[in-house]
N, C-alpha and C. Protein backbone atom coordinates (compact mmCIF):
# COMPACT_ATOMS: atom_id res chain seq x y z
N MET A 1 4.09 -0.73 -19.39
CA MET A 1 4.50 0.49 -18.72
C MET A 1 3.82 1.67 -19.41
N ALA A 2 3.33 2.58 -18.61
CA ALA A 2 2.64 3.75 -19.15
C ALA A 2 3.62 4.73 -19.77
N ASN A 3 3.16 5.45 -20.78
CA ASN A 3 3.94 6.49 -21.41
C ASN A 3 4.09 7.63 -20.41
N ALA A 4 5.33 8.04 -20.16
CA ALA A 4 5.59 9.08 -19.16
C ALA A 4 4.91 10.39 -19.50
N ALA A 5 4.60 10.62 -20.78
CA ALA A 5 3.93 11.84 -21.19
C ALA A 5 2.46 11.85 -20.78
N ASP A 6 1.89 10.67 -20.56
CA ASP A 6 0.48 10.57 -20.16
C ASP A 6 0.42 10.52 -18.64
N LYS A 7 0.26 11.69 -18.04
CA LYS A 7 0.32 11.84 -16.59
C LYS A 7 -0.70 10.95 -15.87
N MET A 8 -1.92 10.88 -16.37
CA MET A 8 -2.95 10.08 -15.71
C MET A 8 -2.63 8.59 -15.80
N ALA A 9 -2.06 8.15 -16.92
CA ALA A 9 -1.70 6.74 -17.06
C ALA A 9 -0.56 6.39 -16.10
N VAL A 10 0.38 7.30 -15.94
CA VAL A 10 1.49 7.08 -15.01
C VAL A 10 0.96 7.00 -13.58
N MET A 11 0.05 7.92 -13.22
CA MET A 11 -0.54 7.89 -11.88
C MET A 11 -1.33 6.60 -11.66
N THR A 12 -2.10 6.20 -12.67
CA THR A 12 -2.89 4.97 -12.55
C THR A 12 -1.99 3.77 -12.31
N GLU A 13 -0.92 3.68 -13.09
CA GLU A 13 0.01 2.56 -12.92
C GLU A 13 0.65 2.59 -11.54
N ASN A 14 1.03 3.75 -11.07
CA ASN A 14 1.65 3.88 -9.76
C ASN A 14 0.68 3.48 -8.65
N LEU A 15 -0.57 3.92 -8.76
CA LEU A 15 -1.57 3.57 -7.76
C LEU A 15 -1.81 2.05 -7.73
N ARG A 16 -1.84 1.43 -8.90
CA ARG A 16 -2.01 -0.03 -8.96
C ARG A 16 -0.79 -0.74 -8.39
N ASP A 17 0.41 -0.19 -8.66
CA ASP A 17 1.63 -0.77 -8.11
C ASP A 17 1.64 -0.72 -6.58
N MET A 18 0.94 0.26 -6.01
CA MET A 18 0.81 0.37 -4.55
C MET A 18 -0.08 -0.72 -3.97
N GLY A 19 -0.84 -1.38 -4.86
CA GLY A 19 -1.74 -2.43 -4.40
C GLY A 19 -3.18 -1.99 -4.25
N LEU A 20 -3.49 -0.79 -4.71
CA LEU A 20 -4.87 -0.32 -4.61
C LEU A 20 -5.76 -1.06 -5.61
N ASP A 21 -6.99 -1.34 -5.20
CA ASP A 21 -7.94 -1.98 -6.11
C ASP A 21 -8.49 -0.94 -7.09
N ASP A 22 -9.21 -1.42 -8.10
CA ASP A 22 -9.71 -0.53 -9.16
C ASP A 22 -10.59 0.59 -8.62
N GLU A 23 -11.41 0.28 -7.63
CA GLU A 23 -12.29 1.30 -7.05
C GLU A 23 -11.49 2.40 -6.37
N SER A 24 -10.47 2.01 -5.62
CA SER A 24 -9.63 3.00 -4.93
C SER A 24 -8.81 3.82 -5.92
N VAL A 25 -8.32 3.17 -6.98
CA VAL A 25 -7.58 3.89 -8.02
C VAL A 25 -8.49 4.96 -8.64
N ALA A 26 -9.70 4.58 -8.98
CA ALA A 26 -10.65 5.52 -9.57
C ALA A 26 -10.94 6.68 -8.60
N LYS A 27 -11.08 6.36 -7.33
CA LYS A 27 -11.35 7.38 -6.31
C LYS A 27 -10.18 8.37 -6.24
N CYS A 28 -8.96 7.86 -6.26
CA CYS A 28 -7.78 8.73 -6.20
C CYS A 28 -7.69 9.62 -7.43
N LEU A 29 -7.91 9.03 -8.60
CA LEU A 29 -7.84 9.82 -9.83
C LEU A 29 -8.92 10.89 -9.87
N GLN A 30 -10.09 10.58 -9.35
CA GLN A 30 -11.17 11.57 -9.29
C GLN A 30 -10.77 12.72 -8.37
N MET A 31 -10.10 12.40 -7.26
CA MET A 31 -9.64 13.45 -6.34
C MET A 31 -8.60 14.34 -7.02
N VAL A 32 -7.71 13.73 -7.79
CA VAL A 32 -6.71 14.52 -8.52
C VAL A 32 -7.39 15.43 -9.52
N GLU A 33 -8.31 14.87 -10.30
CA GLU A 33 -8.99 15.65 -11.34
C GLU A 33 -9.80 16.80 -10.77
N SER A 34 -10.34 16.61 -9.57
CA SER A 34 -11.16 17.67 -8.97
C SER A 34 -10.36 18.56 -8.01
N GLY A 35 -9.05 18.32 -7.92
CA GLY A 35 -8.19 19.18 -7.10
C GLY A 35 -8.32 18.96 -5.61
N GLN A 36 -8.83 17.82 -5.21
CA GLN A 36 -8.99 17.51 -3.78
C GLN A 36 -7.71 16.87 -3.23
N TYR A 37 -6.64 17.66 -3.24
CA TYR A 37 -5.33 17.12 -2.86
C TYR A 37 -5.23 16.80 -1.37
N GLN A 38 -5.90 17.56 -0.54
CA GLN A 38 -5.89 17.27 0.89
C GLN A 38 -6.60 15.94 1.17
N ALA A 39 -7.71 15.72 0.52
CA ALA A 39 -8.45 14.46 0.69
C ALA A 39 -7.63 13.29 0.17
N LEU A 40 -6.94 13.50 -0.95
CA LEU A 40 -6.08 12.45 -1.50
C LEU A 40 -4.95 12.13 -0.55
N ASP A 41 -4.33 13.17 0.00
CA ASP A 41 -3.24 12.97 0.96
C ASP A 41 -3.73 12.18 2.17
N CYS A 42 -4.89 12.51 2.67
CA CYS A 42 -5.48 11.81 3.82
C CYS A 42 -5.75 10.34 3.47
N PHE A 43 -6.31 10.09 2.29
CA PHE A 43 -6.60 8.73 1.84
C PHE A 43 -5.32 7.92 1.73
N LEU A 44 -4.28 8.52 1.13
CA LEU A 44 -3.03 7.80 0.94
C LEU A 44 -2.30 7.56 2.26
N LYS A 45 -2.39 8.50 3.19
CA LYS A 45 -1.79 8.29 4.51
C LYS A 45 -2.48 7.14 5.24
N SER A 46 -3.79 7.07 5.10
CA SER A 46 -4.55 5.99 5.72
C SER A 46 -4.17 4.65 5.10
N TYR A 47 -4.03 4.62 3.78
CA TYR A 47 -3.64 3.39 3.09
C TYR A 47 -2.23 2.98 3.49
N ARG A 48 -1.34 3.95 3.63
CA ARG A 48 0.03 3.67 4.07
C ARG A 48 0.02 3.02 5.45
N GLN A 49 -0.81 3.54 6.34
CA GLN A 49 -0.89 2.96 7.68
C GLN A 49 -1.41 1.53 7.62
N THR A 50 -2.36 1.27 6.74
CA THR A 50 -2.88 -0.09 6.56
C THR A 50 -1.76 -1.03 6.11
N LEU A 51 -0.96 -0.58 5.15
CA LEU A 51 0.17 -1.39 4.70
C LEU A 51 1.18 -1.62 5.81
N LEU A 52 1.46 -0.57 6.57
CA LEU A 52 2.41 -0.68 7.69
C LEU A 52 1.89 -1.65 8.75
N ASP A 53 0.60 -1.60 9.03
CA ASP A 53 0.01 -2.54 9.99
C ASP A 53 0.19 -3.98 9.52
N SER A 54 0.06 -4.21 8.22
CA SER A 54 0.27 -5.55 7.66
C SER A 54 1.72 -5.99 7.84
N VAL A 55 2.63 -5.08 7.59
CA VAL A 55 4.06 -5.40 7.77
C VAL A 55 4.31 -5.80 9.22
N HIS A 56 3.79 -5.03 10.14
CA HIS A 56 4.00 -5.33 11.56
C HIS A 56 3.37 -6.66 11.95
N LYS A 57 2.20 -6.94 11.44
CA LYS A 57 1.52 -8.20 11.74
C LYS A 57 2.37 -9.38 11.27
N TYR A 58 2.86 -9.30 10.05
CA TYR A 58 3.65 -10.41 9.53
C TYR A 58 5.02 -10.47 10.17
N ASN A 59 5.56 -9.35 10.58
CA ASN A 59 6.82 -9.35 11.31
C ASN A 59 6.66 -10.07 12.65
N ASP A 60 5.54 -9.83 13.33
CA ASP A 60 5.25 -10.52 14.59
C ASP A 60 5.15 -12.03 14.36
N ARG A 61 4.54 -12.42 13.27
CA ARG A 61 4.42 -13.85 12.96
C ARG A 61 5.79 -14.48 12.69
N ILE A 62 6.63 -13.74 11.99
CA ILE A 62 7.99 -14.23 11.73
C ILE A 62 8.75 -14.37 13.04
N ASP A 63 8.60 -13.41 13.94
CA ASP A 63 9.25 -13.50 15.25
C ASP A 63 8.79 -14.74 16.01
N CYS A 64 7.49 -15.01 15.97
CA CYS A 64 6.96 -16.20 16.64
C CYS A 64 7.52 -17.48 16.01
N LEU A 65 7.59 -17.51 14.71
CA LEU A 65 8.15 -18.65 14.00
C LEU A 65 9.61 -18.85 14.37
N ASP A 66 10.38 -17.78 14.39
CA ASP A 66 11.79 -17.87 14.77
C ASP A 66 11.95 -18.38 16.19
N TYR A 67 11.12 -17.86 17.10
CA TYR A 67 11.20 -18.32 18.49
C TYR A 67 10.85 -19.80 18.60
N PHE A 68 9.83 -20.22 17.88
CA PHE A 68 9.42 -21.62 17.91
C PHE A 68 10.53 -22.52 17.40
N THR A 69 11.13 -22.17 16.28
CA THR A 69 12.20 -23.01 15.73
C THR A 69 13.42 -22.99 16.64
N TYR A 70 13.68 -21.86 17.27
CA TYR A 70 14.79 -21.78 18.23
C TYR A 70 14.56 -22.73 19.41
N THR A 71 13.34 -22.71 19.97
CA THR A 71 13.07 -23.58 21.11
C THR A 71 13.06 -25.05 20.72
N MET A 72 12.65 -25.32 19.49
CA MET A 72 12.65 -26.72 19.02
C MET A 72 14.08 -27.24 18.90
N LYS A 73 14.98 -26.41 18.43
CA LYS A 73 16.39 -26.82 18.28
C LYS A 73 17.05 -27.02 19.65
N ARG A 74 16.62 -26.24 20.64
CA ARG A 74 17.21 -26.35 21.98
C ARG A 74 16.76 -27.62 22.70
N SER A 75 15.60 -28.12 22.38
CA SER A 75 15.10 -29.27 23.14
C SER A 75 15.47 -30.59 22.53
């Protein structure tokens, strides 16, 4: 766990916890260091949508699995 006093280490750990790869983490930190907060916000919103799309995709698969097992039990 990063020392809370080291702001960049805390941000790095948080970005990695989000699932970002090393290249994306470096890109985000560079945006923070250069004050490009709007670009960072846009990047993170895009990444959030990517994660949400994955959730929806797997939710659809779970629904299909549930329906399949339901129909198997009925027959």
